[in-house]
Amino acid sequence: MFVLFRLVSSCPDFGGKVGLAMLVLGLSLKVMMIQAVKNFQNGHTGQLSGMTVNLLFLGGLARIFTSIQETGDPMIIFTFMVASLANGVLAAQVLYYRKETARALLEAKKKKKAN
């Protein structure tokens, strides 16, 4: 990611803003996709808050709309679109795995009481 930042920020046409945006976007996607893969491997979402994920997803959609209306900057719009897509994946997992998550949390609670 640092190499990408250095390459883009050194371009005279773009300046440092695009490079920094790409760095933040890359790191955010990496973190969210690690969470999505972990959810898939576990078969549940664990303690991931459905409310938080859904609010992040809806907030991202609102940011896309306001960015189109206010700035029209394709880089900002693209960044919010990609971040919203990643949040949408997590939100879909929360819905898809909700029954398994409830079972897993109940089992964890029983184990904790037994100890």
PDB file of N, CA and C in Angstrom:
ATOM      1  N   MET A   1       0.821  -1.178   0.000  1.00  0.00           N
ATOM      2  CA  MET A   1       0.000   0.000   0.000  1.00  0.00           C
ATOM      3  C   MET A   1       0.876   1.257   0.000  1.00  0.00           C
ATOM      4  N   PHE A   2       1.972   1.210   0.760  1.00  0.00           N
ATOM      5  CA  PHE A   2       2.862   2.363   0.808  1.00  0.00           C
ATOM      6  C   PHE A   2       3.430   2.652  -0.575  1.00  0.00           C
ATOM      7  N   VAL A   3       3.760   1.599  -1.310  1.00  0.00           N
ATOM      8  CA  VAL A   3       4.311   1.772  -2.656  1.00  0.00           C
ATOM      9  C   VAL A   3       3.270   2.447  -3.545  1.00  0.00           C
ATOM     10  N   LEU A   4       2.006   2.011  -3.451  1.00  0.00           N
ATOM     11  CA  LEU A   4       0.943   2.631  -4.225  1.00  0.00           C
ATOM     12  C   LEU A   4       0.812   4.112  -3.872  1.00  0.00           C
ATOM     13  N   PHE A   5       0.850   4.402  -2.587  1.00  0.00           N
ATOM     14  CA  PHE A   5       0.765   5.796  -2.140  1.00  0.00           C
ATOM     15  C   PHE A   5       1.912   6.618  -2.713  1.00  0.00           C
ATOM     16  N   ARG A   6       3.124   6.101  -2.655  1.00  0.00           N
ATOM     17  CA  ARG A   6       4.289   6.839  -3.158  1.00  0.00           C
ATOM     18  C   ARG A   6       4.193   7.056  -4.670  1.00  0.00           C
ATOM     19  N   LEU A   7       3.750   6.040  -5.401  1.00  0.00           N
ATOM     20  CA  LEU A   7       3.650   6.175  -6.850  1.00  0.00           C
ATOM     21  C   LEU A   7       2.610   7.221  -7.242  1.00  0.00           C
ATOM     22  N   VAL A   8       1.433   7.147  -6.636  1.00  0.00           N
ATOM     23  CA  VAL A   8       0.362   8.066  -7.006  1.00  0.00           C
ATOM     24  C   VAL A   8       0.650   9.474  -6.521  1.00  0.00           C
ATOM     25  N   SER A   9       1.197   9.617  -5.314  1.00  0.00           N
ATOM     26  CA  SER A   9       1.436  10.958  -4.780  1.00  0.00           C
ATOM     27  C   SER A   9       2.564  11.678  -5.506  1.00  0.00           C
ATOM     28  N   SER A  10       3.424  10.923  -6.180  1.00  0.00           N
ATOM     29  CA  SER A  10       4.522  11.571  -6.905  1.00  0.00           C
ATOM     30  C   SER A  10       4.090  12.091  -8.274  1.00  0.00           C
ATOM     31  N   CYS A  11       2.896  11.699  -8.737  1.00  0.00           N
ATOM     32  CA  CYS A  11       2.406  12.182 -10.030  1.00  0.00           C
ATOM     33  C   CYS A  11       1.984  13.643  -9.902  1.00  0.00           C
ATOM     34  N   PRO A  12       2.468  14.512 -10.784  1.00  0.00           N
ATOM     35  CA  PRO A  12       2.124  15.929 -10.686  1.00  0.00           C
ATOM     36  C   PRO A  12       0.645  16.203 -10.940  1.00  0.00           C
ATOM     37  N   ASP A  13      -0.015  15.362 -11.729  1.00  0.00           N
ATOM     38  CA  ASP A  13      -1.428  15.591 -12.049  1.00  0.00           C
ATOM     39  C   ASP A  13      -2.339  15.337 -10.844  1.00  0.00           C
ATOM     40  N   PHE A  14      -1.956  14.404  -9.986  1.00  0.00           N
ATOM     41  CA  PHE A  14      -2.841  13.991  -8.913  1.00  0.00           C
ATOM     42  C   PHE A  14      -2.520  14.634  -7.574  1.00  0.00           C
ATOM     43  N   GLY A  15      -1.272  14.809  -7.283  1.00  0.00           N
ATOM     44  CA  GLY A  15      -0.897  15.310  -5.966  1.00  0.00           C
ATOM     45  C   GLY A  15      -1.086  14.225  -4.919  1.00  0.00           C
ATOM     46  N   GLY A  16      -0.982  14.580  -3.658  1.00  0.00           N
ATOM     47  CA  GLY A  16      -1.043  13.604  -2.584  1.00  0.00           C
ATOM     48  C   GLY A  16      -2.439  13.161  -2.210  1.00  0.00           C
ATOM     49  N   LYS A  17      -3.476  13.910  -2.592  1.00  0.00           N
ATOM     50  CA  LYS A  17      -4.828  13.577  -2.151  1.00  0.00           C
ATOM     51  C   LYS A  17      -5.301  12.241  -2.694  1.00  0.00           C
ATOM     52  N   VAL A  18      -5.073  11.976  -3.949  1.00  0.00           N
ATOM     53  CA  VAL A  18      -5.519  10.724  -4.543  1.00  0.00           C
ATOM     54  C   VAL A  18      -4.751   9.552  -3.936  1.00  0.00           C
ATOM     55  N   GLY A  19      -3.459   9.727  -3.766  1.00  0.00           N
ATOM     56  CA  GLY A  19      -2.655   8.665  -3.169  1.00  0.00           C
ATOM     57  C   GLY A  19      -3.101   8.344  -1.766  1.00  0.00           C
ATOM     58  N   LEU A  20      -3.376   9.355  -0.982  1.00  0.00           N
ATOM     59  CA  LEU A  20      -3.842   9.150   0.381  1.00  0.00           C
ATOM     60  C   LEU A  20      -5.218   8.487   0.390  1.00  0.00           C
ATOM     61  N   ALA A  21      -6.093   8.908  -0.508  1.00  0.00           N
ATOM     62  CA  ALA A  21      -7.420   8.294  -0.600  1.00  0.00           C
ATOM     63  C   ALA A  21      -7.309   6.819  -0.969  1.00  0.00           C
ATOM     64  N   MET A  22      -6.414   6.489  -1.889  1.00  0.00           N
ATOM     65  CA  MET A  22      -6.225   5.098  -2.276  1.00  0.00           C
ATOM     66  C   MET A  22      -5.645   4.270  -1.125  1.00  0.00           C
ATOM     67  N   LEU A  23      -4.759   4.871  -0.365  1.00  0.00           N
ATOM     68  CA  LEU A  23      -4.184   4.179   0.784  1.00  0.00           C
ATOM     69  C   LEU A  23      -5.257   3.868   1.817  1.00  0.00           C
ATOM     70  N   VAL A  24      -6.065   4.850   2.141  1.00  0.00           N
ATOM     71  CA  VAL A  24      -7.143   4.653   3.120  1.00  0.00           C
ATOM     72  C   VAL A  24      -8.148   3.639   2.603  1.00  0.00           C
ATOM     73  N   LEU A  25      -8.515   3.740   1.336  1.00  0.00           N
ATOM     74  CA  LEU A  25      -9.465   2.806   0.747  1.00  0.00           C
ATOM     75  C   LEU A  25      -8.917   1.378   0.776  1.00  0.00           C
ATOM     76  N   GLY A  26      -7.654   1.225   0.421  1.00  0.00           N
ATOM     77  CA  GLY A  26      -7.044  -0.100   0.430  1.00  0.00           C
ATOM     78  C   GLY A  26      -7.002  -0.716   1.815  1.00  0.00           C
ATOM     79  N   LEU A  27      -6.625   0.067   2.794  1.00  0.00           N
ATOM     80  CA  LEU A  27      -6.579  -0.442   4.167  1.00  0.00           C
ATOM     81  C   LEU A  27      -7.972  -0.783   4.686  1.00  0.00           C
ATOM     82  N   SER A  28      -8.934   0.061   4.395  1.00  0.00           N
ATOM     83  CA  SER A  28     -10.307  -0.195   4.833  1.00  0.00           C
ATOM     84  C   SER A  28     -10.855  -1.470   4.205  1.00  0.00           C
ATOM     85  N   LEU A  29     -10.625  -1.629   2.914  1.00  0.00           N
ATOM     86  CA  LEU A  29     -11.093  -2.840   2.239  1.00  0.00           C
ATOM     87  C   LEU A  29     -10.433  -4.089   2.801  1.00  0.00           C
ATOM     88  N   LYS A  30      -9.145  -3.988   3.073  1.00  0.00           N
ATOM     89  CA  LYS A  30      -8.429  -5.141   3.606  1.00  0.00           C
ATOM     90  C   LYS A  30      -9.037  -5.572   4.939  1.00  0.00           C
ATOM     91  N   VAL A  31      -9.286  -4.616   5.818  1.00  0.00           N
ATOM     92  CA  VAL A  31      -9.850  -4.928   7.133  1.00  0.00           C
ATOM     93  C   VAL A  31     -11.245  -5.531   6.991  1.00  0.00           C
ATOM     94  N   MET A  32     -12.075  -4.925   6.157  1.00  0.00           N
ATOM     95  CA  MET A  32     -13.443  -5.425   5.998  1.00  0.00           C
ATOM     96  C   MET A  32     -13.476  -6.802   5.352  1.00  0.00           C
ATOM     97  N   MET A  33     -12.599  -7.050   4.402  1.00  0.00           N
ATOM     98  CA  MET A  33     -12.602  -8.348   3.744  1.00  0.00           C
ATOM     99  C   MET A  33     -12.027  -9.435   4.659  1.00  0.00           C
ATOM    100  N   ILE A  34     -11.085  -9.076   5.519  1.00  0.00           N
ATOM    101  CA  ILE A  34     -10.606 -10.038   6.519  1.00  0.00           C
ATOM    102  C   ILE A  34     -11.773 -10.448   7.405  1.00  0.00           C
ATOM    103  N   GLN A  35     -12.593  -9.480   7.820  1.00  0.00           N
ATOM    104  CA  GLN A  35     -13.766  -9.777   8.646  1.00  0.00           C
ATOM    105  C   GLN A  35     -14.755 -10.654   7.886  1.00  0.00           C
ATOM    106  N   ALA A  36     -14.994 -10.360   6.609  1.00  0.00           N
ATOM    107  CA  ALA A  36     -15.939 -11.134   5.809  1.00  0.00           C
ATOM    108  C   ALA A  36     -15.471 -12.576   5.637  1.00  0.00           C
ATOM    109  N   VAL A  37     -14.187 -12.762   5.388  1.00  0.00           N
ATOM    110  CA  VAL A  37     -13.639 -14.111   5.239  1.00  0.00           C
ATOM    111  C   VAL A  37     -13.736 -14.870   6.560  1.00  0.00           C
ATOM    112  N   LYS A  38     -13.433 -14.204   7.658  1.00  0.00           N
ATOM    113  CA  LYS A  38     -13.523 -14.832   8.981  1.00  0.00           C
ATOM    114  C   LYS A  38     -14.967 -15.252   9.280  1.00  0.00           C
ATOM    115  N   ASN A  39     -15.919 -14.390   8.945  1.00  0.00           N
ATOM    116  CA  ASN A  39     -17.331 -14.739   9.125  1.00  0.00           C
ATOM    117  C   ASN A  39     -17.691 -15.974   8.316  1.00  0.00           C
ATOM    118  N   PHE A  40     -17.221 -16.018   7.085  1.00  0.00           N
ATOM    119  CA  PHE A  40     -17.498 -17.163   6.213  1.00  0.00           C
ATOM    120  C   PHE A  40     -16.892 -18.439   6.791  1.00  0.00           C
ATOM    121  N   GLN A  41     -15.654 -18.355   7.254  1.00  0.00           N
ATOM    122  CA  GLN A  41     -14.990 -19.532   7.823  1.00  0.00           C
ATOM    123  C   GLN A  41     -15.693 -20.021   9.082  1.00  0.00           C
ATOM    124  N   ASN A  42     -16.144 -19.104   9.929  1.00  0.00           N
ATOM    125  CA  ASN A  42     -16.817 -19.470  11.173  1.00  0.00           C
ATOM    126  C   ASN A  42     -18.259 -19.913  10.953  1.00  0.00           C
ATOM    127  N   GLY A  43     -18.869 -19.461   9.885  1.00  0.00           N
ATOM    128  CA  GLY A  43     -20.270 -19.772   9.649  1.00  0.00           C
ATOM    129  C   GLY A  43     -21.210 -18.907  10.464  1.00  0.00           C
ATOM    130  N   HIS A  44     -20.696 -17.877  11.095  1.00  0.00           N
ATOM    131  CA  HIS A  44     -21.491 -16.907  11.849  1.00  0.00           C
ATOM    132  C   HIS A  44     -20.679 -15.625  11.980  1.00  0.00           C
ATOM    133  N   THR A  45     -21.353 -14.567  12.440  1.00  0.00           N
ATOM    134  CA  THR A  45     -20.681 -13.270  12.526  1.00  0.00           C
ATOM    135  C   THR A  45     -20.187 -12.937  13.924  1.00  0.00           C
ATOM    136  N   GLY A  46     -20.411 -13.829  14.876  1.00  0.00           N
ATOM    137  CA  GLY A  46     -19.913 -13.597  16.228  1.00  0.00           C
ATOM    138  C   GLY A  46     -20.535 -12.370  16.851  1.00  0.00           C
ATOM    139  N   GLN A  47     -19.708 -11.509  17.435  1.00  0.00           N
ATOM    140  CA  GLN A  47     -20.209 -10.335  18.134  1.00  0.00           C
ATOM    141  C   GLN A  47     -20.301  -9.095  17.236  1.00  0.00           C
ATOM    142  N   LEU A  48     -20.168  -9.283  15.948  1.00  0.00           N
ATOM    143  CA  LEU A  48     -20.285  -8.166  15.014  1.00  0.00           C
ATOM    144  C   LEU A  48     -21.691  -7.578  15.112  1.00  0.00           C
ATOM    145  N   SER A  49     -21.780  -6.295  15.362  1.00  0.00           N
ATOM    146  CA  SER A  49     -23.068  -5.639  15.565  1.00  0.00           C
ATOM    147  C   SER A  49     -23.787  -5.399  14.241  1.00  0.00           C
ATOM    148  N   GLY A  50     -24.950  -6.005  14.114  1.00  0.00           N
ATOM    149  CA  GLY A  50     -25.754  -5.812  12.919  1.00  0.00           C
ATOM    150  C   GLY A  50     -26.183  -4.361  12.749  1.00  0.00           C
ATOM    151  N   MET A  51     -26.515  -3.727  13.844  1.00  0.00           N
ATOM    152  CA  MET A  51     -26.945  -2.323  13.798  1.00  0.00           C
ATOM    153  C   MET A  51     -25.810  -1.440  13.276  1.00  0.00           C
ATOM    154  N   THR A  52     -24.617  -1.633  13.788  1.00  0.00           N
ATOM    155  CA  THR A  52     -23.475  -0.826  13.363  1.00  0.00           C
ATOM    156  C   THR A  52     -23.167  -1.037  11.886  1.00  0.00           C
ATOM    157  N   VAL A  53     -23.142  -2.288  11.462  1.00  0.00           N
ATOM    158  CA  VAL A  53     -22.837  -2.591  10.062  1.00  0.00           C
ATOM    159  C   VAL A  53     -23.887  -1.989   9.139  1.00  0.00           C
ATOM    160  N   ASN A  54     -25.149  -2.118   9.506  1.00  0.00           N
ATOM    161  CA  ASN A  54     -26.210  -1.557   8.664  1.00  0.00           C
ATOM    162  C   ASN A  54     -26.152  -0.035   8.630  1.00  0.00           C
ATOM    163  N   LEU A  55     -25.849   0.592   9.758  1.00  0.00           N
ATOM    164  CA  LEU A  55     -25.722   2.050   9.767  1.00  0.00           C
ATOM    165  C   LEU A  55     -24.527   2.509   8.922  1.00  0.00           C
ATOM    166  N   LEU A  56     -23.426   1.773   8.976  1.00  0.00           N
ATOM    167  CA  LEU A  56     -22.277   2.106   8.124  1.00  0.00           C
ATOM    168  C   LEU A  56     -22.637   1.984   6.648  1.00  0.00           C
ATOM    169  N   PHE A  57     -23.370   0.929   6.315  1.00  0.00           N
ATOM    170  CA  PHE A  57     -23.786   0.720   4.925  1.00  0.00           C
ATOM    171  C   PHE A  57     -24.707   1.847   4.456  1.00  0.00           C
ATOM    172  N   LEU A  58     -25.722   2.150   5.248  1.00  0.00           N
ATOM    173  CA  LEU A  58     -26.657   3.213   4.877  1.00  0.00           C
ATOM    174  C   LEU A  58     -25.974   4.585   4.853  1.00  0.00           C
ATOM    175  N   GLY A  59     -25.049   4.810   5.785  1.00  0.00           N
ATOM    176  CA  GLY A  59     -24.290   6.058   5.784  1.00  0.00           C
ATOM    177  C   GLY A  59     -23.435   6.197   4.542  1.00  0.00           C
ATOM    178  N   GLY A  60     -22.865   5.085   4.094  1.00  0.00           N
ATOM    179  CA  GLY A  60     -22.081   5.105   2.866  1.00  0.00           C
ATOM    180  C   GLY A  60     -22.925   5.443   1.649  1.00  0.00           C
ATOM    181  N   LEU A  61     -24.146   4.892   1.622  1.00  0.00           N
ATOM    182  CA  LEU A  61     -25.049   5.214   0.515  1.00  0.00           C
ATOM    183  C   LEU A  61     -25.413   6.702   0.532  1.00  0.00           C
ATOM    184  N   ALA A  62     -25.631   7.231   1.723  1.00  0.00           N
ATOM    185  CA  ALA A  62     -25.933   8.665   1.836  1.00  0.00           C
ATOM    186  C   ALA A  62     -24.736   9.501   1.387  1.00  0.00           C
ATOM    187  N   ARG A  63     -23.535   9.056   1.714  1.00  0.00           N
ATOM    188  CA  ARG A  63     -22.336   9.794   1.290  1.00  0.00           C
ATOM    189  C   ARG A  63     -22.193   9.799  -0.224  1.00  0.00           C
ATOM    190  N   ILE A  64     -22.525   8.668  -0.847  1.00  0.00           N
ATOM    191  CA  ILE A  64     -22.469   8.610  -2.310  1.00  0.00           C
ATOM    192  C   ILE A  64     -23.413   9.652  -2.895  1.00  0.00           C
ATOM    193  N   PHE A  65     -24.654   9.659  -2.415  1.00  0.00           N
ATOM    194  CA  PHE A  65     -25.654  10.598  -2.923  1.00  0.00           C
ATOM    195  C   PHE A  65     -25.217  12.046  -2.719  1.00  0.00           C
ATOM    196  N   THR A  66     -24.776  12.376  -1.503  1.00  0.00           N
ATOM    197  CA  THR A  66     -24.388  13.768  -1.247  1.00  0.00           C
ATOM    198  C   THR A  66     -23.125  14.154  -2.013  1.00  0.00           C
ATOM    199  N   SER A  67     -22.221  13.207  -2.220  1.00  0.00           N
ATOM    200  CA  SER A  67     -21.014  13.510  -2.997  1.00  0.00           C
ATOM    201  C   SER A  67     -21.352  13.790  -4.446  1.00  0.00           C
ATOM    202  N   ILE A  68     -22.314  13.041  -4.977  1.00  0.00           N
ATOM    203  CA  ILE A  68     -22.742  13.296  -6.356  1.00  0.00           C
ATOM    204  C   ILE A  68     -23.378  14.670  -6.453  1.00  0.00           C
ATOM    205  N   GLN A  69     -24.224  15.001  -5.486  1.00  0.00           N
ATOM    206  CA  GLN A  69     -24.943  16.274  -5.511  1.00  0.00           C
ATOM    207  C   GLN A  69     -24.024  17.472  -5.242  1.00  0.00           C
ATOM    208  N   GLU A  70     -23.135  17.332  -4.270  1.00  0.00           N
ATOM    209  CA  GLU A  70     -22.353  18.479  -3.810  1.00  0.00           C
ATOM    210  C   GLU A  70     -21.027  18.672  -4.549  1.00  0.00           C
ATOM    211  N   THR A  71     -20.290  17.575  -4.767  1.00  0.00           N
ATOM    212  CA  THR A  71     -18.947  17.740  -5.332  1.00  0.00           C
ATOM    213  C   THR A  71     -18.837  17.265  -6.768  1.00  0.00           C
ATOM    214  N   GLY A  72     -19.439  16.143  -7.077  1.00  0.00           N
ATOM    215  CA  GLY A  72     -19.278  15.564  -8.401  1.00  0.00           C
ATOM    216  C   GLY A  72     -17.887  14.999  -8.627  1.00  0.00           C
ATOM    217  N   ASP A  73     -17.065  14.954  -7.576  1.00  0.00           N
ATOM    218  CA  ASP A  73     -15.698  14.456  -7.673  1.00  0.00           C
ATOM    219  C   ASP A  73     -15.723  12.936  -7.827  1.00  0.00           C
ATOM    220  N   PRO A  74     -15.282  12.413  -8.972  1.00  0.00           N
ATOM    221  CA  PRO A  74     -15.359  10.971  -9.203  1.00  0.00           C
ATOM    222  C   PRO A  74     -14.515  10.155  -8.216  1.00  0.00           C
ATOM    223  N   MET A  75     -13.421  10.716  -7.726  1.00  0.00           N
ATOM    224  CA  MET A  75     -12.571   9.977  -6.794  1.00  0.00           C
ATOM    225  C   MET A  75     -13.280   9.773  -5.459  1.00  0.00           C
ATOM    226  N   ILE A  76     -13.909  10.808  -4.958  1.00  0.00           N
ATOM    227  CA  ILE A  76     -14.638  10.701  -3.695  1.00  0.00           C
ATOM    228  C   ILE A  76     -15.812   9.745  -3.863  1.00  0.00           C
ATOM    229  N   ILE A  77     -16.533   9.882  -4.958  1.00  0.00           N
ATOM    230  CA  ILE A  77     -17.684   9.015  -5.210  1.00  0.00           C
ATOM    231  C   ILE A  77     -17.244   7.561  -5.311  1.00  0.00           C
ATOM    232  N   PHE A  78     -16.162   7.306  -6.044  1.00  0.00           N
ATOM    233  CA  PHE A  78     -15.642   5.941  -6.177  1.00  0.00           C
ATOM    234  C   PHE A  78     -15.242   5.367  -4.819  1.00  0.00           C
ATOM    235  N   THR A  79     -14.568   6.172  -4.011  1.00  0.00           N
ATOM    236  CA  THR A  79     -14.144   5.722  -2.689  1.00  0.00           C
ATOM    237  C   THR A  79     -15.346   5.310  -1.841  1.00  0.00           C
ATOM    238  N   PHE A  80     -16.372   6.131  -1.815  1.00  0.00           N
ATOM    239  CA  PHE A  80     -17.563   5.812  -1.027  1.00  0.00           C
ATOM    240  C   PHE A  80     -18.321   4.620  -1.604  1.00  0.00           C
ATOM    241  N   MET A  81     -18.303   4.463  -2.926  1.00  0.00           N
ATOM    242  CA  MET A  81     -18.975   3.315  -3.544  1.00  0.00           C
ATOM    243  C   MET A  81     -18.302   2.006  -3.145  1.00  0.00           C
ATOM    244  N   VAL A  82     -16.988   1.983  -3.184  1.00  0.00           N
ATOM    245  CA  VAL A  82     -16.262   0.770  -2.832  1.00  0.00           C
ATOM    246  C   VAL A  82     -16.433   0.453  -1.344  1.00  0.00           C
ATOM    247  N   ALA A  83     -16.335   1.474  -0.498  1.00  0.00           N
ATOM    248  CA  ALA A  83     -16.510   1.261   0.937  1.00  0.00           C
ATOM    249  C   ALA A  83     -17.933   0.789   1.247  1.00  0.00           C
ATOM    250  N   SER A  84     -18.922   1.340   0.551  1.00  0.00           N
ATOM    251  CA  SER A  84     -20.308   0.913   0.759  1.00  0.00           C
ATOM    252  C   SER A  84     -20.519  -0.526   0.294  1.00  0.00           C
ATOM    253  N   LEU A  85     -19.867  -0.896  -0.773  1.00  0.00           N
ATOM    254  CA  LEU A  85     -19.958  -2.280  -1.243  1.00  0.00           C
ATOM    255  C   LEU A  85     -19.405  -3.244  -0.201  1.00  0.00           C
ATOM    256  N   ALA A  86     -18.266  -2.905   0.372  1.00  0.00           N
ATOM    257  CA  ALA A  86     -17.671  -3.757   1.407  1.00  0.00           C
ATOM    258  C   ALA A  86     -18.571  -3.821   2.641  1.00  0.00           C
ATOM    259  N   ASN A  87     -19.127  -2.682   3.042  1.00  0.00           N
ATOM    260  CA  ASN A  87     -20.066  -2.684   4.168  1.00  0.00           C
ATOM    261  C   ASN A  87     -21.329  -3.457   3.819  1.00  0.00           C
ATOM    262  N   GLY A  88     -21.738  -3.419   2.566  1.00  0.00           N
ATOM    263  CA  GLY A  88     -22.896  -4.188   2.119  1.00  0.00           C
ATOM    264  C   GLY A  88     -22.654  -5.687   2.234  1.00  0.00           C
ATOM    265  N   VAL A  89     -21.440  -6.116   1.939  1.00  0.00           N
ATOM    266  CA  VAL A  89     -21.092  -7.535   2.097  1.00  0.00           C
ATOM    267  C   VAL A  89     -21.239  -7.947   3.558  1.00  0.00           C
ATOM    268  N   LEU A  90     -20.711  -7.130   4.467  1.00  0.00           N
ATOM    269  CA  LEU A  90     -20.831  -7.441   5.897  1.00  0.00           C
ATOM    270  C   LEU A  90     -22.289  -7.414   6.350  1.00  0.00           C
ATOM    271  N   ALA A  91     -23.063  -6.448   5.856  1.00  0.00           N
ATOM    272  CA  ALA A  91     -24.481  -6.371   6.225  1.00  0.00           C
ATOM    273  C   ALA A  91     -25.234  -7.602   5.722  1.00  0.00           C
ATOM    274  N   ALA A  92     -24.920  -8.050   4.523  1.00  0.00           N
ATOM    275  CA  ALA A  92     -25.552  -9.253   3.987  1.00  0.00           C
ATOM    276  C   ALA A  92     -25.182 -10.476   4.819  1.00  0.00           C
ATOM    277  N   GLN A  93     -23.940 -10.544   5.279  1.00  0.00           N
ATOM    278  CA  GLN A  93     -23.522 -11.662   6.128  1.00  0.00           C
ATOM    279  C   GLN A  93     -24.258 -11.655   7.456  1.00  0.00           C
ATOM    280  N   VAL A  94     -24.461 -10.479   8.023  1.00  0.00           N
ATOM    281  CA  VAL A  94     -25.192 -10.391   9.286  1.00  0.00           C
ATOM    282  C   VAL A  94     -26.600 -10.965   9.107  1.00  0.00           C
ATOM    283  N   LEU A  95     -27.244 -10.635   8.004  1.00  0.00           N
ATOM    284  CA  LEU A  95     -28.580 -11.169   7.737  1.00  0.00           C
ATOM    285  C   LEU A  95     -28.542 -12.670   7.459  1.00  0.00           C
ATOM    286  N   TYR A  96     -27.609 -13.086   6.638  1.00  0.00           N
ATOM    287  CA  TYR A  96     -27.526 -14.487   6.231  1.00  0.00           C
ATOM    288  C   TYR A  96     -27.193 -15.412   7.403  1.00  0.00           C
ATOM    289  N   TYR A  97     -26.282 -14.987   8.267  1.00  0.00           N
ATOM    290  CA  TYR A  97     -25.816 -15.828   9.368  1.00  0.00           C
ATOM    291  C   TYR A  97     -26.525 -15.549  10.694  1.00  0.00           C
ATOM    292  N   ARG A  98     -27.635 -14.836  10.693  1.00  0.00           N
ATOM    293  CA  ARG A  98     -28.240 -14.416  11.963  1.00  0.00           C
ATOM    294  C   ARG A  98     -28.640 -15.578  12.862  1.00  0.00           C
ATOM    295  N   LYS A  99     -29.175 -16.674  12.307  1.00  0.00           N
ATOM    296  CA  LYS A  99     -29.574 -17.825  13.137  1.00  0.00           C
ATOM    297  C   LYS A  99     -28.350 -18.530  13.708  1.00  0.00           C
ATOM    298  N   GLU A 100     -27.344 -18.720  12.883  1.00  0.00           N
ATOM    299  CA  GLU A 100     -26.116 -19.377  13.351  1.00  0.00           C
ATOM    300  C   GLU A 100     -25.389 -18.522  14.380  1.00  0.00           C
ATOM    301  N   THR A 101     -25.430 -17.222  14.192  1.00  0.00           N
ATOM    302  CA  THR A 101     -24.792 -16.315  15.150  1.00  0.00           C
ATOM    303  C   THR A 101     -25.477 -16.405  16.500  1.00  0.00           C
ATOM    304  N   ALA A 102     -26.804 -16.440  16.495  1.00  0.00           N
ATOM    305  CA  ALA A 102     -27.543 -16.553  17.754  1.00  0.00           C
ATOM    306  C   ALA A 102     -27.181 -17.853  18.468  1.00  0.00           C
ATOM    307  N   ARG A 103     -27.077 -18.945  17.724  1.00  0.00           N
ATOM    308  CA  ARG A 103     -26.684 -20.232  18.322  1.00  0.00           C
ATOM    309  C   ARG A 103     -25.267 -20.181  18.892  1.00  0.00           C
ATOM    310  N   ALA A 104     -24.356 -19.612  18.118  1.00  0.00           N
ATOM    311  CA  ALA A 104     -22.957 -19.542  18.559  1.00  0.00           C
ATOM    312  C   ALA A 104     -22.815 -18.685  19.813  1.00  0.00           C
ATOM    313  N   LEU A 105     -23.523 -17.567  19.870  1.00  0.00           N
ATOM    314  CA  LEU A 105     -23.444 -16.709  21.052  1.00  0.00           C
ATOM    315  C   LEU A 105     -24.073 -17.381  22.272  1.00  0.00           C
ATOM    316  N   LEU A 106     -25.156 -18.139  22.073  1.00  0.00           N
ATOM    317  CA  LEU A 106     -25.792 -18.867  23.169  1.00  0.00           C
ATOM    318  C   LEU A 106     -24.857 -19.947  23.716  1.00  0.00           C
ATOM    319  N   GLU A 107     -24.188 -20.666  22.811  1.00  0.00           N
ATOM    320  CA  GLU A 107     -23.222 -21.677  23.244  1.00  0.00           C
ATOM    321  C   GLU A 107     -22.049 -21.054  24.008  1.00  0.00           C
ATOM    322  N   ALA A 108     -21.579 -19.927  23.532  1.00  0.00           N
ATOM    323  CA  ALA A 108     -20.470 -19.256  24.208  1.00  0.00           C
ATOM    324  C   ALA A 108     -20.897 -18.798  25.594  1.00  0.00           C
ATOM    325  N   LYS A 109     -22.127 -18.342  25.720  1.00  0.00           N
ATOM    326  CA  LYS A 109     -22.645 -17.901  27.006  1.00  0.00           C
ATOM    327  C   LYS A 109     -22.769 -19.077  27.976  1.00  0.00           C
ATOM    328  N   LYS A 110     -23.225 -20.230  27.466  1.00  0.00           N
ATOM    329  CA  LYS A 110     -23.339 -21.444  28.294  1.00  0.00           C
ATOM    330  C   LYS A 110     -21.970 -21.905  28.765  1.00  0.00           C
ATOM    331  N   LYS A 111     -20.979 -21.877  27.892  1.00  0.00           N
ATOM    332  CA  LYS A 111     -19.607 -22.274  28.253  1.00  0.00           C
ATOM    333  C   LYS A 111     -19.049 -21.354  29.323  1.00  0.00           C
ATOM    334  N   LYS A 112     -19.333 -20.075  29.179  1.00  0.00           N
ATOM    335  CA  LYS A 112     -18.822 -19.102  30.149  1.00  0.00           C
ATOM    336  C   LYS A 112     -19.457 -19.344  31.512  1.00  0.00           C
ATOM    337  N   LYS A 113     -20.745 -19.663  31.560  1.00  0.00           N
ATOM    338  CA  LYS A 113     -21.419 -19.945  32.828  1.00  0.00           C
ATOM    339  C   LYS A 113     -20.902 -21.230  33.456  1.00  0.00           C
ATOM    340  N   ALA A 114     -20.580 -22.232  32.628  1.00  0.00           N
ATOM    341  CA  ALA A 114     -20.091 -23.512  33.123  1.00  0.00           C
ATOM    342  C   ALA A 114     -18.719 -23.378  33.770  1.00  0.00           C
ATOM    343  N   ASN A 115     -17.930 -22.437  33.293  1.00  0.00           N
ATOM    344  CA  ASN A 115     -16.578 -22.255  33.850  1.00  0.00           C
ATOM    345  C   ASN A 115     -16.690 -21.403  35.060  1.00  0.00           C
TER     346      ASN A 115
END
